[in-house]
Amino acid sequence: MKMKELIKITNLSKNFGKVKALNNINLNVYQGEWLAIMGPSGSGKSTLLNILSLMDTPSSGQYILDGQNLEQIQEEQKIQLRREKIGLIFQQFHLIPYLNALENVMLSQYYHSCVDEEDAKMMLEKVGLSHRLDHLPNQLSGGEQQRVCIARSLINNPELLLADEPTGNLDEANEEIVLQTLKKLKNEGKTIILITHNPDLAKFADRTICLHHGVLK
């Protein structure tokens, strides 16, 4: 059975002045795949993530997401595509400190113009936090805060999850909890692209690629 190609990147480059952050990248990512992207600091990982998440545009080359050539759509369409197709998980939690766990997830719903408290509760239950709905971020452990972020990223039921060093601020025990959550999501059919410097985390991916000075290895 042929796998669906969710992402197709062809001859993609990104320049910042004379600096070539990405140099002629070619990459295919398939639906349901877990891809790890590794590389040293300054290798271009964050630049690639910004392009994959539609928060930046390449200097040249082609990015096709779920069959749509992103060169051929307007900015408003890109915003809509990001809302519908992409969930983002960062190393920093970016939770609103005066909102509880449930409200932080519902705030993300607000930006998708569809606020549903029961749906938000279901997402928190999915990541094992049904007992922490009313807790503020400073009442949660680092691992719990990151799981709130994962619940928030899932609220629009995206096909693609982009995770940038999601366990970078966590101790070993909480890292394992977040890893198990990602494995569960992968088993449910989510496509995951994980940016990490941690080979112990990358080994759980279906495939690992390396960036070095903007070149894909």
Protein backbone atom coordinates (compact mmCIF):
# COMPACT_ATOMS: atom_id res chain seq x y z
CA MET A 1 0.00 0.00 0.00
CA LYS A 2 1.46 3.33 -1.07
CA MET A 3 1.86 5.84 1.75
CA LYS A 4 0.41 9.33 1.36
CA GLU A 5 3.02 12.03 0.90
CA LEU A 6 2.17 14.79 3.37
CA ILE A 7 5.22 17.01 2.75
CA LYS A 8 7.35 17.36 -0.37
CA ILE A 9 10.28 19.80 -0.32
CA THR A 10 12.31 20.29 -3.48
CA ASN A 11 15.57 22.25 -3.89
CA LEU A 12 14.68 24.50 -0.96
CA SER A 13 17.12 27.19 0.22
CA LYS A 14 16.90 30.00 2.74
CA ASN A 15 19.29 32.93 2.76
CA PHE A 16 19.80 35.64 5.36
CA GLY A 17 21.91 38.16 3.49
CA LYS A 18 25.06 36.30 2.49
CA VAL A 19 24.41 33.50 4.97
CA LYS A 20 22.81 30.38 3.47
CA ALA A 21 20.87 28.87 6.39
CA LEU A 22 19.43 26.08 4.22
CA ASN A 23 21.10 24.87 1.04
CA ASN A 24 19.16 22.95 -1.58
CA ILE A 25 17.09 20.77 0.76
CA ASN A 26 15.10 17.86 -0.66
CA LEU A 27 12.77 16.03 1.72
CA ASN A 28 9.63 13.89 1.62
CA VAL A 29 7.60 13.15 4.75
CA TYR A 30 4.79 10.60 4.71
CA GLN A 31 1.51 10.58 6.60
CA GLY A 32 1.85 8.79 9.92
CA GLU A 33 5.64 8.98 9.91
CA TRP A 34 7.75 10.11 12.86
CA LEU A 35 10.79 11.97 11.52
CA ALA A 36 13.61 13.22 13.75
CA ILE A 37 15.80 16.11 12.57
CA MET A 38 19.15 16.39 14.32
CA GLY A 39 22.09 18.72 13.98
CA PRO A 40 24.37 21.04 15.95
CA SER A 41 23.44 24.58 16.93
CA GLY A 42 23.37 26.81 13.86
CA SER A 43 22.80 23.90 11.48
CA GLY A 44 19.50 25.26 10.15
CA LYS A 45 17.04 23.15 12.19
CA SER A 46 15.04 26.12 13.51
CA THR A 47 14.98 27.75 10.07
CA LEU A 48 13.60 24.56 8.54
CA LEU A 49 11.01 24.27 11.31
CA ASN A 50 9.88 27.85 10.72
CA ILE A 51 9.37 27.10 7.03
CA LEU A 52 7.59 23.80 7.74
CA SER A 53 5.23 25.62 10.14
CA LEU A 54 4.51 28.36 7.55
CA MET A 55 5.97 31.04 9.81
CA ASP A 56 8.69 31.79 7.25
CA THR A 57 9.14 31.38 3.51
CA PRO A 58 12.07 29.92 1.56
CA SER A 59 14.31 32.06 -0.61
CA SER A 60 13.98 29.49 -3.38
CA GLY A 61 12.64 26.01 -3.95
CA GLN A 62 9.26 24.42 -3.44
CA TYR A 63 7.27 23.36 -0.38
CA ILE A 64 4.13 21.29 -0.93
CA LEU A 65 1.98 20.51 2.12
CA ASP A 66 -0.86 18.03 1.73
CA GLY A 67 -0.92 18.62 -2.01
CA GLN A 68 -0.87 22.43 -1.84
CA ASN A 69 2.03 24.34 -3.36
CA LEU A 70 2.62 27.09 -0.81
CA GLU A 71 4.09 29.43 -3.40
CA GLN A 72 0.69 29.61 -5.03
CA ILE A 73 -1.50 30.60 -2.08
CA GLN A 74 -2.05 33.91 -0.30
CA GLU A 75 -0.96 34.71 3.26
CA GLU A 76 -4.51 34.37 4.63
CA GLN A 77 -4.72 30.89 3.11
CA LYS A 78 -1.39 29.98 4.73
CA ILE A 79 -2.70 31.08 8.13
CA GLN A 80 -5.81 28.97 7.65
CA LEU A 81 -3.72 25.99 6.51
CA ARG A 82 -1.50 26.31 9.59
CA ARG A 83 -4.55 26.40 11.87
CA GLU A 84 -6.11 23.34 10.26
CA LYS A 85 -3.10 21.14 9.52
CA ILE A 86 -0.30 21.94 11.99
CA GLY A 87 0.19 21.62 15.74
CA LEU A 88 3.26 23.20 17.37
CA ILE A 89 5.08 22.06 20.51
CA PHE A 90 8.01 24.16 21.74
CA GLN A 91 10.79 23.74 24.28
CA GLN A 92 9.43 26.79 26.13
CA PHE A 93 5.88 26.15 27.29
CA HIS A 94 4.36 29.57 26.45
CA LEU A 95 1.43 29.05 28.83
CA ILE A 96 -0.54 32.04 30.13
CA PRO A 97 0.38 32.12 33.85
CA TYR A 98 -2.99 33.38 35.15
CA LEU A 99 -5.04 30.81 33.17
CA ASN A 100 -5.49 27.25 34.38
CA ALA A 101 -4.71 24.20 32.25
CA LEU A 102 -8.20 23.98 30.77
CA GLU A 103 -8.32 27.71 29.99
CA ASN A 104 -4.90 27.59 28.31
CA VAL A 105 -6.17 24.88 25.96
CA MET A 106 -9.46 26.71 25.38
CA LEU A 107 -7.54 29.89 24.53
CA SER A 108 -6.05 28.01 21.60
CA GLN A 109 -9.58 27.03 20.59
CA TYR A 110 -10.54 30.70 20.63
CA TYR A 111 -7.98 31.41 17.91
CA HIS A 112 -9.56 28.65 15.87
CA SER A 113 -13.00 30.31 16.34
CA CYS A 114 -14.48 27.20 17.93
CA VAL A 115 -14.54 27.16 21.74
CA ASP A 116 -15.67 23.83 23.18
CA GLU A 117 -14.93 23.12 26.86
CA GLU A 118 -15.72 19.41 26.59
CA ASP A 119 -13.35 19.04 23.64
CA ALA A 120 -10.60 20.82 25.61
CA LYS A 121 -11.21 18.49 28.57
CA MET A 122 -10.97 15.50 26.23
CA MET A 123 -7.59 16.70 24.92
CA LEU A 124 -6.26 17.07 28.47
CA GLU A 125 -7.58 13.62 29.33
CA LYS A 126 -5.74 12.27 26.26
CA VAL A 127 -2.43 13.47 27.74
CA GLY A 128 -3.26 12.21 31.24
CA LEU A 129 -4.20 15.52 32.88
CA SER A 130 -7.92 15.18 33.54
CA HIS A 131 -7.15 15.63 37.26
CA ARG A 132 -5.25 18.92 36.72
CA LEU A 133 -7.80 20.99 34.77
CA ASP A 134 -8.04 23.77 37.37
CA HIS A 135 -4.33 24.08 38.12
CA LEU A 136 -2.31 27.14 37.08
CA PRO A 137 1.00 26.60 35.25
CA ASN A 138 3.05 27.32 38.39
CA GLN A 139 1.14 24.52 40.14
CA LEU A 140 2.18 22.01 37.49
CA SER A 141 5.46 20.19 37.02
CA GLY A 142 7.51 20.83 33.89
CA GLY A 143 6.28 17.60 32.35
CA GLU A 144 2.66 18.48 33.11
CA GLN A 145 3.10 21.92 31.58
CA GLN A 146 4.51 20.36 28.43
CA ARG A 147 1.56 17.96 28.27
CA VAL A 148 -0.79 20.96 28.48
CA CYS A 149 1.12 22.33 25.48
CA ILE A 150 0.65 19.04 23.64
CA ALA A 151 -3.09 19.11 24.41
CA ARG A 152 -3.18 22.69 23.12
CA SER A 153 -1.42 21.66 19.90
CA LEU A 154 -3.98 18.87 19.34
CA ILE A 155 -7.09 21.00 19.74
CA ASN A 156 -7.58 21.55 15.99
CA ASN A 157 -6.89 17.85 15.27
CA PRO A 158 -3.86 18.58 13.05
CA GLU A 159 -2.37 16.03 10.70
CA LEU A 160 1.15 17.29 11.40
CA LEU A 161 2.83 17.87 14.78
CA LEU A 162 6.05 19.90 14.81
CA ALA A 163 7.96 19.48 18.07
CA ASP A 164 11.00 21.68 18.74
CA GLU A 165 13.13 20.15 21.55
CA PRO A 166 9.94 19.24 23.47
CA THR A 167 11.87 17.62 26.33
CA GLY A 168 14.74 20.12 26.46
CA ASN A 169 13.62 21.63 29.79
CA LEU A 170 12.54 18.37 31.44
CA ASP A 171 14.15 15.92 33.82
CA GLU A 172 14.50 12.27 32.83
CA ALA A 173 11.20 11.13 34.41
CA ASN A 174 9.13 13.86 32.72
CA GLU A 175 11.00 13.35 29.45
CA GLU A 176 9.84 9.74 29.48
CA ILE A 177 6.21 10.78 30.08
CA VAL A 178 6.27 13.22 27.15
CA LEU A 179 7.99 10.63 24.97
CA GLN A 180 5.26 8.08 25.75
CA THR A 181 2.64 10.72 24.87
CA LEU A 182 4.29 11.33 21.49
CA LYS A 183 4.49 7.58 20.84
CA LYS A 184 0.78 7.26 21.57
CA LEU A 185 -0.02 10.08 19.14
CA LYS A 186 2.13 8.47 16.48
CA ASN A 187 0.25 5.19 16.97
CA GLU A 188 -2.99 7.14 16.46
CA GLY A 189 -1.75 8.17 13.02
CA LYS A 190 -0.29 11.62 13.65
CA THR A 191 2.69 12.70 11.55
CA ILE A 192 5.44 13.98 13.85
CA ILE A 193 8.54 15.98 12.97
CA LEU A 194 10.81 16.21 15.98
CA ILE A 195 13.70 18.67 16.23
CA THR A 196 16.14 17.37 18.81
CA HIS A 197 19.79 17.22 19.78
CA ASN A 198 19.11 14.14 21.91
CA PRO A 199 19.97 10.85 20.15
CA ASP A 200 18.12 8.90 22.87
CA LEU A 201 14.94 10.69 21.82
CA ALA A 202 15.62 10.46 18.09
CA LYS A 203 15.98 6.68 18.23
CA PHE A 204 12.21 6.33 18.70
CA ALA A 205 11.55 7.98 15.32
CA ASP A 206 10.92 5.97 12.17
CA ARG A 207 13.68 7.90 10.44
CA THR A 208 16.39 10.37 11.41
CA ILE A 209 18.01 12.98 9.19
CA CYS A 210 20.84 15.36 10.04
CA LEU A 211 21.39 18.98 9.10
CA HIS A 212 24.92 20.34 8.97
CA HIS A 213 25.58 23.91 7.88
CA GLY A 214 22.20 23.96 6.10
CA VAL A 215 22.84 20.76 4.15
CA LEU A 216 20.77 17.63 4.65
CA LYS A 217 22.75 14.48 5.37
